[in-house]
């Protein structure tokens, strides 16, 4: 299943996530934001269980914004898991 999420409060504009039926992240793309960092985040989470990724990414802050691209990715993963 592919899920598209529009993040809030960060530089990235869209997150595209593909999960399998077991909640494993098969693919991740973050559009916009800090290119190297967002590519790195996606490479790290591909192959992970979405729940494990959520635990690692939830609550990370970027420059006092109260959120970050990794935090927004955790929100996207939570919403995607609800759709499985």
PDB file of N, CA and C in Angstrom:
ATOM      1  N   UNK A   1       0.831  -1.154   0.000  1.00  0.00           N
ATOM      2  CA  UNK A   1       0.000   0.000   0.000  1.00  0.00           C
ATOM      3  C   UNK A   1       0.893   1.240   0.000  1.00  0.00           C
ATOM      4  N   UNK A   2       0.553   2.206  -0.860  1.00  0.00           N
ATOM      5  CA  UNK A   2       1.291   3.464  -0.892  1.00  0.00           C
ATOM      6  C   UNK A   2       0.438   4.546  -0.239  1.00  0.00           C
ATOM      7  N   UNK A   3       1.070   5.340   0.613  1.00  0.00           N
ATOM      8  CA  UNK A   3       0.374   6.396   1.337  1.00  0.00           C
ATOM      9  C   UNK A   3       1.111   7.704   1.113  1.00  0.00           C
ATOM     10  N   UNK A   4       0.360   8.760   0.825  1.00  0.00           N
ATOM     11  CA  UNK A   4       0.921  10.094   0.640  1.00  0.00           C
ATOM     12  C   UNK A   4       0.482  10.980   1.792  1.00  0.00           C
ATOM     13  N   UNK A   5       1.438  11.698   2.355  1.00  0.00           N
ATOM     14  CA  UNK A   5       1.193  12.553   3.513  1.00  0.00           C
ATOM     15  C   UNK A   5       1.746  13.948   3.228  1.00  0.00           C
ATOM     16  N   UNK A   6       1.001  14.968   3.634  1.00  0.00           N
ATOM     17  CA  UNK A   6       1.461  16.347   3.517  1.00  0.00           C
ATOM     18  C   UNK A   6       1.908  16.805   4.905  1.00  0.00           C
ATOM     19  N   UNK A   7       3.210  17.002   5.094  1.00  0.00           N
ATOM     20  CA  UNK A   7       3.735  17.393   6.410  1.00  0.00           C
ATOM     21  C   UNK A   7       3.410  18.845   6.750  1.00  0.00           C
ATOM     22  N   UNK A   8       3.452  19.146   8.036  1.00  0.00           N
ATOM     23  CA  UNK A   8       3.143  20.481   8.542  1.00  0.00           C
ATOM     24  C   UNK A   8       4.292  20.994   9.402  1.00  0.00           C
ATOM     25  N   UNK A   9       4.640  22.279   9.232  1.00  0.00           N
ATOM     26  CA  UNK A   9       5.638  22.921  10.074  1.00  0.00           C
ATOM     27  C   UNK A   9       7.080  22.620   9.719  1.00  0.00           C
ATOM     28  N   UNK A  10       7.301  22.031   8.547  1.00  0.00           N
ATOM     29  CA  UNK A  10       8.662  21.686   8.119  1.00  0.00           C
ATOM     30  C   UNK A  10       8.874  22.121   6.672  1.00  0.00           C
ATOM     31  N   UNK A  11      10.094  22.000   6.203  1.00  0.00           N
ATOM     32  CA  UNK A  11      10.425  22.414   4.834  1.00  0.00           C
ATOM     33  C   UNK A  11       9.948  21.427   3.777  1.00  0.00           C
ATOM     34  N   UNK A  12       9.856  20.156   4.119  1.00  0.00           N
ATOM     35  CA  UNK A  12       9.418  19.173   3.128  1.00  0.00           C
ATOM     36  C   UNK A  12       7.946  19.398   2.788  1.00  0.00           C
ATOM     37  N   UNK A  13       7.579  19.023   1.570  1.00  0.00           N
ATOM     38  CA  UNK A  13       6.240  19.293   1.041  1.00  0.00           C
ATOM     39  C   UNK A  13       5.353  18.055   0.941  1.00  0.00           C
ATOM     40  N   UNK A  14       5.964  16.883   0.851  1.00  0.00           N
ATOM     41  CA  UNK A  14       5.179  15.654   0.683  1.00  0.00           C
ATOM     42  C   UNK A  14       6.017  14.449   1.087  1.00  0.00           C
ATOM     43  N   UNK A  15       5.346  13.443   1.624  1.00  0.00           N
ATOM     44  CA  UNK A  15       5.999  12.184   1.981  1.00  0.00           C
ATOM     45  C   UNK A  15       5.210  11.042   1.368  1.00  0.00           C
ATOM     46  N   UNK A  16       5.903  10.196   0.618  1.00  0.00           N
ATOM     47  CA  UNK A  16       5.293   9.032  -0.021  1.00  0.00           C
ATOM     48  C   UNK A  16       5.896   7.786   0.610  1.00  0.00           C
ATOM     49  N   UNK A  17       5.036   6.961   1.166  1.00  0.00           N
ATOM     50  CA  UNK A  17       5.494   5.778   1.901  1.00  0.00           C
ATOM     51  C   UNK A  17       4.799   4.552   1.344  1.00  0.00           C
ATOM     52  N   UNK A  18       5.561   3.488   1.163  1.00  0.00           N
ATOM     53  CA  UNK A  18       4.978   2.209   0.759  1.00  0.00           C
ATOM     54  C   UNK A  18       5.199   1.209   1.890  1.00  0.00           C
ATOM     55  N   UNK A  19       4.096   0.635   2.370  1.00  0.00           N
ATOM     56  CA  UNK A  19       4.145  -0.384   3.417  1.00  0.00           C
ATOM     57  C   UNK A  19       3.616  -1.692   2.871  1.00  0.00           C
ATOM     58  N   UNK A  20       4.172  -2.810   3.352  1.00  0.00           N
ATOM     59  CA  UNK A  20       3.568  -4.099   3.003  1.00  0.00           C
ATOM     60  C   UNK A  20       2.483  -4.429   4.019  1.00  0.00           C
ATOM     61  N   UNK A  21       1.842  -5.558   3.846  1.00  0.00           N
ATOM     62  CA  UNK A  21       0.709  -5.943   4.693  1.00  0.00           C
ATOM     63  C   UNK A  21       1.101  -6.186   6.147  1.00  0.00           C
ATOM     64  N   UNK A  22       2.403  -6.354   6.422  1.00  0.00           N
ATOM     65  CA  UNK A  22       2.889  -6.570   7.784  1.00  0.00           C
ATOM     66  C   UNK A  22       3.369  -5.286   8.451  1.00  0.00           C
ATOM     67  N   UNK A  23       3.276  -4.157   7.743  1.00  0.00           N
ATOM     68  CA  UNK A  23       3.726  -2.895   8.309  1.00  0.00           C
ATOM     69  C   UNK A  23       5.204  -2.627   8.130  1.00  0.00           C
ATOM     70  N   UNK A  24       5.842  -3.342   7.215  1.00  0.00           N
ATOM     71  CA  UNK A  24       7.249  -3.094   6.911  1.00  0.00           C
ATOM     72  C   UNK A  24       7.335  -2.006   5.845  1.00  0.00           C
ATOM     73  N   UNK A  25       8.243  -1.073   6.032  1.00  0.00           N
ATOM     74  CA  UNK A  25       8.423   0.022   5.084  1.00  0.00           C
ATOM     75  C   UNK A  25       9.198  -0.505   3.873  1.00  0.00           C
ATOM     76  N   UNK A  26       8.536  -0.481   2.713  1.00  0.00           N
ATOM     77  CA  UNK A  26       9.145  -0.977   1.481  1.00  0.00           C
ATOM     78  C   UNK A  26       9.812   0.146   0.692  1.00  0.00           C
ATOM     79  N   UNK A  27       9.275   1.369   0.792  1.00  0.00           N
ATOM     80  CA  UNK A  27       9.847   2.501   0.078  1.00  0.00           C
ATOM     81  C   UNK A  27       9.465   3.781   0.806  1.00  0.00           C
ATOM     82  N   UNK A  28      10.275   4.798   0.664  1.00  0.00           N
ATOM     83  CA  UNK A  28      10.048   6.087   1.321  1.00  0.00           C
ATOM     84  C   UNK A  28      10.630   7.176   0.434  1.00  0.00           C
ATOM     85  N   UNK A  29       9.847   8.228   0.233  1.00  0.00           N
ATOM     86  CA  UNK A  29      10.320   9.388  -0.515  1.00  0.00           C
ATOM     87  C   UNK A  29       9.824  10.639   0.200  1.00  0.00           C
ATOM     88  N   UNK A  30      10.743  11.558   0.469  1.00  0.00           N
ATOM     89  CA  UNK A  30      10.380  12.842   1.057  1.00  0.00           C
ATOM     90  C   UNK A  30      10.714  13.903   0.023  1.00  0.00           C
ATOM     91  N   UNK A  31       9.699  14.665  -0.376  1.00  0.00           N
ATOM     92  CA  UNK A  31       9.857  15.692  -1.394  1.00  0.00           C
ATOM     93  C   UNK A  31      10.082  17.027  -0.712  1.00  0.00           C
ATOM     94  N   UNK A  32      11.172  17.697  -1.060  1.00  0.00           N
ATOM     95  CA  UNK A  32      11.514  18.967  -0.439  1.00  0.00           C
ATOM     96  C   UNK A  32      12.326  18.738   0.821  1.00  0.00           C
ATOM     97  N   UNK A  33      12.629  19.806   1.513  1.00  0.00           N
ATOM     98  CA  UNK A  33      13.421  19.693   2.726  1.00  0.00           C
ATOM     99  C   UNK A  33      14.912  19.614   2.407  1.00  0.00           C
ATOM    100  N   UNK A  34      15.692  19.266   3.389  1.00  0.00           N
ATOM    101  CA  UNK A  34      17.150  19.145   3.232  1.00  0.00           C
ATOM    102  C   UNK A  34      17.443  17.841   2.512  1.00  0.00           C
ATOM    103  N   UNK A  35      17.825  17.940   1.258  1.00  0.00           N
ATOM    104  CA  UNK A  35      17.916  16.783   0.368  1.00  0.00           C
ATOM    105  C   UNK A  35      18.728  15.616   0.946  1.00  0.00           C
ATOM    106  N   UNK A  36      19.922  15.894   1.416  1.00  0.00           N
ATOM    107  CA  UNK A  36      20.763  14.818   1.945  1.00  0.00           C
ATOM    108  C   UNK A  36      20.147  14.162   3.170  1.00  0.00           C
ATOM    109  N   UNK A  37      19.602  14.973   4.064  1.00  0.00           N
ATOM    110  CA  UNK A  37      19.008  14.433   5.284  1.00  0.00           C
ATOM    111  C   UNK A  37      17.768  13.600   4.989  1.00  0.00           C
ATOM    112  N   UNK A  38      16.908  14.103   4.107  1.00  0.00           N
ATOM    113  CA  UNK A  38      15.670  13.359   3.836  1.00  0.00           C
ATOM    114  C   UNK A  38      15.961  12.057   3.093  1.00  0.00           C
ATOM    115  N   UNK A  39      16.958  12.077   2.189  1.00  0.00           N
ATOM    116  CA  UNK A  39      17.339  10.822   1.534  1.00  0.00           C
ATOM    117  C   UNK A  39      17.920   9.839   2.555  1.00  0.00           C
ATOM    118  N   UNK A  40      18.728  10.363   3.471  1.00  0.00           N
ATOM    119  CA  UNK A  40      19.323   9.511   4.509  1.00  0.00           C
ATOM    120  C   UNK A  40      18.276   8.894   5.411  1.00  0.00           C
ATOM    121  N   UNK A  41      17.300   9.683   5.824  1.00  0.00           N
ATOM    122  CA  UNK A  41      16.218   9.170   6.667  1.00  0.00           C
ATOM    123  C   UNK A  41      15.505   8.027   5.955  1.00  0.00           C
ATOM    124  N   UNK A  42      15.184   8.263   4.676  1.00  0.00           N
ATOM    125  CA  UNK A  42      14.458   7.228   3.931  1.00  0.00           C
ATOM    126  C   UNK A  42      15.273   5.949   3.796  1.00  0.00           C
ATOM    127  N   UNK A  43      16.550   6.074   3.507  1.00  0.00           N
ATOM    128  CA  UNK A  43      17.381   4.868   3.393  1.00  0.00           C
ATOM    129  C   UNK A  43      17.439   4.098   4.709  1.00  0.00           C
ATOM    130  N   UNK A  44      17.455   4.832   5.801  1.00  0.00           N
ATOM    131  CA  UNK A  44      17.528   4.173   7.105  1.00  0.00           C
ATOM    132  C   UNK A  44      16.236   3.433   7.452  1.00  0.00           C
ATOM    133  N   UNK A  45      15.086   3.975   7.080  1.00  0.00           N
ATOM    134  CA  UNK A  45      13.826   3.347   7.502  1.00  0.00           C
ATOM    135  C   UNK A  45      13.346   2.244   6.569  1.00  0.00           C
ATOM    136  N   UNK A  46      13.795   2.241   5.306  1.00  0.00           N
ATOM    137  CA  UNK A  46      13.364   1.175   4.391  1.00  0.00           C
ATOM    138  C   UNK A  46      13.831  -0.168   4.941  1.00  0.00           C
ATOM    139  N   UNK A  47      12.893  -1.089   5.036  1.00  0.00           N
ATOM    140  CA  UNK A  47      13.162  -2.415   5.594  1.00  0.00           C
ATOM    141  C   UNK A  47      12.781  -2.532   7.058  1.00  0.00           C
ATOM    142  N   UNK A  48      12.548  -1.388   7.717  1.00  0.00           N
ATOM    143  CA  UNK A  48      12.162  -1.397   9.132  1.00  0.00           C
ATOM    144  C   UNK A  48      10.663  -1.621   9.278  1.00  0.00           C
ATOM    145  N   UNK A  49      10.292  -2.151  10.416  1.00  0.00           N
ATOM    146  CA  UNK A  49       8.888  -2.185  10.793  1.00  0.00           C
ATOM    147  C   UNK A  49       8.473  -0.752  11.096  1.00  0.00           C
ATOM    148  N   UNK A  50       7.305  -0.333  10.597  1.00  0.00           N
ATOM    149  CA  UNK A  50       6.845   1.044  10.766  1.00  0.00           C
ATOM    150  C   UNK A  50       6.731   1.424  12.240  1.00  0.00           C
ATOM    151  N   UNK A  51       6.280   0.528  13.084  1.00  0.00           N
ATOM    152  CA  UNK A  51       6.144   0.843  14.514  1.00  0.00           C
ATOM    153  C   UNK A  51       7.494   1.121  15.154  1.00  0.00           C
ATOM    154  N   UNK A  52       8.518   0.382  14.754  1.00  0.00           N
ATOM    155  CA  UNK A  52       9.867   0.632  15.275  1.00  0.00           C
ATOM    156  C   UNK A  52      10.389   1.988  14.800  1.00  0.00           C
ATOM    157  N   UNK A  53      10.139   2.319  13.541  1.00  0.00           N
ATOM    158  CA  UNK A  53      10.569   3.615  13.006  1.00  0.00           C
ATOM    159  C   UNK A  53       9.857   4.753  13.731  1.00  0.00           C
ATOM    160  N   UNK A  54       8.581   4.591  13.995  1.00  0.00           N
ATOM    161  CA  UNK A  54       7.815   5.616  14.710  1.00  0.00           C
ATOM    162  C   UNK A  54       8.448   5.887  16.072  1.00  0.00           C
ATOM    163  N   UNK A  55       8.792   4.832  16.793  1.00  0.00           N
ATOM    164  CA  UNK A  55       9.401   4.988  18.122  1.00  0.00           C
ATOM    165  C   UNK A  55      10.712   5.763  18.058  1.00  0.00           C
ATOM    166  N   UNK A  56      11.491   5.558  17.000  1.00  0.00           N
ATOM    167  CA  UNK A  56      12.784   6.227  16.878  1.00  0.00           C
ATOM    168  C   UNK A  56      12.651   7.675  16.412  1.00  0.00           C
ATOM    169  N   UNK A  57      11.646   7.982  15.607  1.00  0.00           N
ATOM    170  CA  UNK A  57      11.542   9.298  14.973  1.00  0.00           C
ATOM    171  C   UNK A  57      10.633  10.283  15.699  1.00  0.00           C
ATOM    172  N   UNK A  58       9.663   9.766  16.445  1.00  0.00           N
ATOM    173  CA  UNK A  58       8.663  10.600  17.107  1.00  0.00           C
ATOM    174  C   UNK A  58       9.322  11.587  18.070  1.00  0.00           C
ATOM    175  N   UNK A  59       8.949  12.861  17.954  1.00  0.00           N
ATOM    176  CA  UNK A  59       9.403  13.871  18.900  1.00  0.00           C
ATOM    177  C   UNK A  59      10.701  14.575  18.560  1.00  0.00           C
ATOM    178  N   UNK A  60      11.352  14.208  17.452  1.00  0.00           N
ATOM    179  CA  UNK A  60      12.583  14.905  17.067  1.00  0.00           C
ATOM    180  C   UNK A  60      12.214  16.325  16.646  1.00  0.00           C
ATOM    181  N   UNK A  61      12.963  17.303  17.153  1.00  0.00           N
ATOM    182  CA  UNK A  61      12.677  18.709  16.888  1.00  0.00           C
ATOM    183  C   UNK A  61      13.733  19.302  15.953  1.00  0.00           C
ATOM    184  N   UNK A  62      13.305  20.217  15.099  1.00  0.00           N
ATOM    185  CA  UNK A  62      14.207  20.934  14.198  1.00  0.00           C
ATOM    186  C   UNK A  62      14.129  22.422  14.491  1.00  0.00           C
ATOM    187  N   UNK A  63      15.187  22.957  15.042  1.00  0.00           N
ATOM    188  CA  UNK A  63      15.319  24.402  15.265  1.00  0.00           C
ATOM    189  C   UNK A  63      14.160  25.017  16.051  1.00  0.00           C
ATOM    190  N   UNK A  64      13.686  24.326  17.053  1.00  0.00           N
ATOM    191  CA  UNK A  64      12.650  24.862  17.922  1.00  0.00           C
ATOM    192  C   UNK A  64      11.264  24.934  17.300  1.00  0.00           C
ATOM    193  N   UNK A  65      11.045  24.205  16.221  1.00  0.00           N
ATOM    194  CA  UNK A  65       9.748  24.221  15.544  1.00  0.00           C
ATOM    195  C   UNK A  65       8.699  23.360  16.235  1.00  0.00           C
ATOM    196  N   UNK A  66       9.156  22.496  17.124  1.00  0.00           N
ATOM    197  CA  UNK A  66       8.234  21.565  17.764  1.00  0.00           C
ATOM    198  C   UNK A  66       7.991  20.326  16.922  1.00  0.00           C
ATOM    199  N   UNK A  67       8.626  20.244  15.778  1.00  0.00           N
ATOM    200  CA  UNK A  67       8.524  19.097  14.884  1.00  0.00           C
ATOM    201  C   UNK A  67       9.748  19.095  13.981  1.00  0.00           C
ATOM    202  N   UNK A  68       9.829  18.114  13.107  1.00  0.00           N
ATOM    203  CA  UNK A  68      10.935  17.977  12.154  1.00  0.00           C
ATOM    204  C   UNK A  68      10.469  17.039  11.052  1.00  0.00           C
ATOM    205  N   UNK A  69      11.268  16.891  10.030  1.00  0.00           N
ATOM    206  CA  UNK A  69      10.916  15.924   8.978  1.00  0.00           C
ATOM    207  C   UNK A  69      10.826  14.498   9.542  1.00  0.00           C
ATOM    208  N   UNK A  70      11.771  14.062  10.402  1.00  0.00           N
ATOM    209  CA  UNK A  70      11.615  12.730  10.988  1.00  0.00           C
ATOM    210  C   UNK A  70      10.340  12.610  11.834  1.00  0.00           C
ATOM    211  N   UNK A  71      10.013  13.641  12.604  1.00  0.00           N
ATOM    212  CA  UNK A  71       8.790  13.623  13.406  1.00  0.00           C
ATOM    213  C   UNK A  71       7.563  13.558  12.504  1.00  0.00           C
ATOM    214  N   UNK A  72       7.560  14.330  11.436  1.00  0.00           N
ATOM    215  CA  UNK A  72       6.441  14.299  10.498  1.00  0.00           C
ATOM    216  C   UNK A  72       6.350  12.938   9.801  1.00  0.00           C
ATOM    217  N   UNK A  73       7.492  12.316   9.528  1.00  0.00           N
ATOM    218  CA  UNK A  73       7.477  10.969   8.951  1.00  0.00           C
ATOM    219  C   UNK A  73       6.838   9.987   9.924  1.00  0.00           C
ATOM    220  N   UNK A  74       7.088  10.148  11.215  1.00  0.00           N
ATOM    221  CA  UNK A  74       6.439   9.260  12.198  1.00  0.00           C
ATOM    222  C   UNK A  74       4.924   9.455  12.163  1.00  0.00           C
ATOM    223  N   UNK A  75       4.457  10.694  11.995  1.00  0.00           N
ATOM    224  CA  UNK A  75       3.017  10.940  11.866  1.00  0.00           C
ATOM    225  C   UNK A  75       2.465  10.281  10.610  1.00  0.00           C
ATOM    226  N   UNK A  76       3.213  10.393   9.519  1.00  0.00           N
ATOM    227  CA  UNK A  76       2.789   9.772   8.265  1.00  0.00           C
ATOM    228  C   UNK A  76       2.691   8.254   8.415  1.00  0.00           C
ATOM    229  N   UNK A  77       3.664   7.665   9.090  1.00  0.00           N
ATOM    230  CA  UNK A  77       3.657   6.211   9.293  1.00  0.00           C
ATOM    231  C   UNK A  77       2.480   5.782  10.170  1.00  0.00           C
ATOM    232  N   UNK A  78       2.173   6.561  11.187  1.00  0.00           N
ATOM    233  CA  UNK A  78       1.024   6.241  12.037  1.00  0.00           C
ATOM    234  C   UNK A  78      -0.265   6.238  11.214  1.00  0.00           C
ATOM    235  N   UNK A  79      -0.440   7.258  10.384  1.00  0.00           N
ATOM    236  CA  UNK A  79      -1.636   7.321   9.546  1.00  0.00           C
ATOM    237  C   UNK A  79      -1.673   6.182   8.540  1.00  0.00           C
ATOM    238  N   UNK A  80      -0.531   5.866   7.957  1.00  0.00           N
ATOM    239  CA  UNK A  80      -0.468   4.772   6.968  1.00  0.00           C
ATOM    240  C   UNK A  80      -0.824   3.438   7.628  1.00  0.00           C
ATOM    241  N   UNK A  81      -0.347   3.202   8.852  1.00  0.00           N
ATOM    242  CA  UNK A  81      -0.657   1.950   9.545  1.00  0.00           C
ATOM    243  C   UNK A  81      -2.160   1.803   9.796  1.00  0.00           C
ATOM    244  N   UNK A  82      -2.831   2.920  10.025  1.00  0.00           N
ATOM    245  CA  UNK A  82      -4.282   2.879  10.235  1.00  0.00           C
ATOM    246  C   UNK A  82      -5.029   2.416   8.993  1.00  0.00           C
ATOM    247  N   UNK A  83      -4.415   2.605   7.815  1.00  0.00           N
ATOM    248  CA  UNK A  83      -5.053   2.249   6.547  1.00  0.00           C
ATOM    249  C   UNK A  83      -4.859   0.784   6.153  1.00  0.00           C
ATOM    250  N   UNK A  84      -3.913   0.122   6.813  1.00  0.00           N
ATOM    251  CA  UNK A  84      -3.639  -1.294   6.477  1.00  0.00           C
ATOM    252  C   UNK A  84      -4.779  -2.163   6.988  1.00  0.00           C
TER     253      UNK A  84
END
